[in-house]
């Protein structure tokens, strides 16, 4: 009587599990890569409240409200800070994009090797 091999040996189970995990990593990396690329192409624009830029205050009690803009140096400092933050964010998004591409590429050789090692049941 011939023994029927279903192909579910411990060895094949290990290879299937490694393939499943690496496949999840590749798919997750692809999703993150698309998300990072979209953030690089279409960045989110933060809302800048006008309260922080202009201040309105009363000069004296009983008098009319006076518009008192901040000095030009302060406005330039705020603009420079916003530009610096925008550049830092863009650098962060670029690094994140490279990380997600690596997350997608590095597991591929492991997946391919383990998938080729799976022996079908006879």
Protein backbone atom coordinates (compact mmCIF):
# COMPACT_ATOMS: atom_id res chain seq x y z
CA UNK A 1 0.00 0.00 0.00
CA UNK A 2 1.41 3.39 -1.07
CA UNK A 3 1.43 6.24 1.50
CA UNK A 4 -0.26 9.43 0.23
CA UNK A 5 1.85 12.54 0.83
CA UNK A 6 -0.31 15.66 1.15
CA UNK A 7 2.64 18.09 0.97
CA UNK A 8 2.06 19.51 4.46
CA UNK A 9 5.37 18.59 6.03
CA UNK A 10 7.03 20.76 8.66
CA UNK A 11 9.56 21.82 6.06
CA UNK A 12 6.92 22.99 3.58
CA UNK A 13 4.92 24.66 6.35
CA UNK A 14 8.03 26.67 7.30
CA UNK A 15 8.56 27.72 3.66
CA UNK A 16 4.90 28.72 3.28
CA UNK A 17 5.02 30.80 6.47
CA UNK A 18 8.20 32.59 5.38
CA UNK A 19 6.61 33.28 2.00
CA UNK A 20 3.48 34.63 3.69
CA UNK A 21 5.42 36.97 5.97
CA UNK A 22 7.67 38.28 3.19
CA UNK A 23 4.65 38.75 0.94
CA UNK A 24 3.01 40.85 3.68
CA UNK A 25 6.19 42.93 3.91
CA UNK A 26 6.27 43.51 0.15
CA UNK A 27 2.59 44.49 0.02
CA UNK A 28 2.94 46.76 3.07
CA UNK A 29 6.03 48.34 1.53
CA UNK A 30 4.19 48.94 -1.74
CA UNK A 31 1.28 50.61 0.05
CA UNK A 32 3.65 52.78 2.11
CA UNK A 33 5.66 53.66 -1.00
CA UNK A 34 2.56 54.90 -2.80
CA UNK A 35 1.53 56.87 0.29
CA UNK A 36 4.99 58.46 0.64
CA UNK A 37 5.14 59.27 -3.06
CA UNK A 38 1.75 60.98 -2.83
CA UNK A 39 2.95 63.02 0.17
CA UNK A 40 5.98 64.08 -1.84
CA UNK A 41 3.94 64.98 -4.92
CA UNK A 42 0.93 66.50 -3.12
CA UNK A 43 2.11 67.65 0.32
CA UNK A 44 -0.33 68.62 3.03
CA UNK A 45 -0.50 72.35 3.58
CA UNK A 46 -0.76 73.30 7.23
CA UNK A 47 -3.36 75.84 8.28
CA UNK A 48 -1.67 79.01 9.51
CA UNK A 49 -3.92 80.92 11.86
CA UNK A 50 -4.06 84.66 11.36
CA UNK A 51 -4.19 85.16 15.12
CA UNK A 52 -0.50 84.32 15.35
CA UNK A 53 0.42 86.67 12.50
CA UNK A 54 -1.63 89.77 13.31
CA UNK A 55 -2.74 91.03 16.66
CA UNK A 56 -5.66 93.32 17.26
CA UNK A 57 -5.79 95.14 20.56
CA UNK A 58 -7.39 98.15 22.08
CA UNK A 59 -5.09 101.13 22.54
CA UNK A 60 -6.89 102.52 25.60
CA UNK A 61 -10.09 101.60 27.35
CA UNK A 62 -13.02 103.30 25.64
CA UNK A 63 -11.11 103.95 22.43
CA UNK A 64 -11.48 102.23 19.10
CA UNK A 65 -9.66 98.95 18.38
CA UNK A 66 -6.31 99.49 16.68
CA UNK A 67 -4.76 97.16 14.12
CA UNK A 68 -1.18 96.61 15.22
CA UNK A 69 0.81 94.40 12.82
CA UNK A 70 4.00 92.82 14.13
CA UNK A 71 7.34 94.29 13.05
CA UNK A 72 8.72 93.27 9.68
CA UNK A 73 11.66 91.42 11.31
CA UNK A 74 9.25 89.20 13.24
CA UNK A 75 7.24 88.43 10.11
CA UNK A 76 10.44 87.55 8.23
CA UNK A 77 11.55 85.31 11.10
CA UNK A 78 8.19 83.51 11.05
CA UNK A 79 8.38 83.07 7.26
CA UNK A 80 11.94 81.72 7.50
CA UNK A 81 10.86 79.29 10.23
CA UNK A 82 7.93 78.06 8.10
CA UNK A 83 10.24 77.54 5.12
CA UNK A 84 12.73 75.67 7.29
CA UNK A 85 9.97 73.41 8.62
CA UNK A 86 8.71 72.79 5.08
CA UNK A 87 12.21 71.74 3.96
CA UNK A 88 12.62 69.48 7.00
CA UNK A 89 9.26 67.86 6.27
CA UNK A 90 10.19 67.33 2.62
CA UNK A 91 13.48 65.69 3.67
CA UNK A 92 11.56 63.47 6.09
CA UNK A 93 9.13 62.41 3.35
CA UNK A 94 12.03 61.59 1.00
CA UNK A 95 13.76 59.46 3.65
CA UNK A 96 10.45 57.75 4.39
CA UNK A 97 9.98 57.03 0.69
CA UNK A 98 13.42 55.40 0.48
CA UNK A 99 12.69 53.34 3.61
CA UNK A 100 9.43 52.05 2.20
CA UNK A 101 11.08 51.16 -1.11
CA UNK A 102 13.68 49.19 0.86
CA UNK A 103 10.89 47.51 2.82
CA UNK A 104 9.43 46.42 -0.48
CA UNK A 105 12.68 45.28 -2.16
CA UNK A 106 14.63 43.53 0.63
CA UNK A 107 12.10 40.72 1.30
CA UNK A 108 11.79 39.82 -2.40
CA UNK A 109 14.89 37.57 -2.60
CA UNK A 110 13.79 35.76 0.58
CA UNK A 111 10.33 35.23 -0.87
CA UNK A 112 11.65 33.95 -4.21
CA UNK A 113 14.17 31.60 -2.58
CA UNK A 114 11.67 30.08 -0.17
CA UNK A 115 8.96 29.77 -2.83
CA UNK A 116 11.35 27.81 -5.05
CA UNK A 117 12.25 25.50 -2.14
CA UNK A 118 8.67 24.33 -1.61
CA UNK A 119 8.31 20.72 -2.80
CA UNK A 120 4.81 19.84 -3.92
CA UNK A 121 3.30 16.75 -2.39
CA UNK A 122 3.41 13.57 -4.50
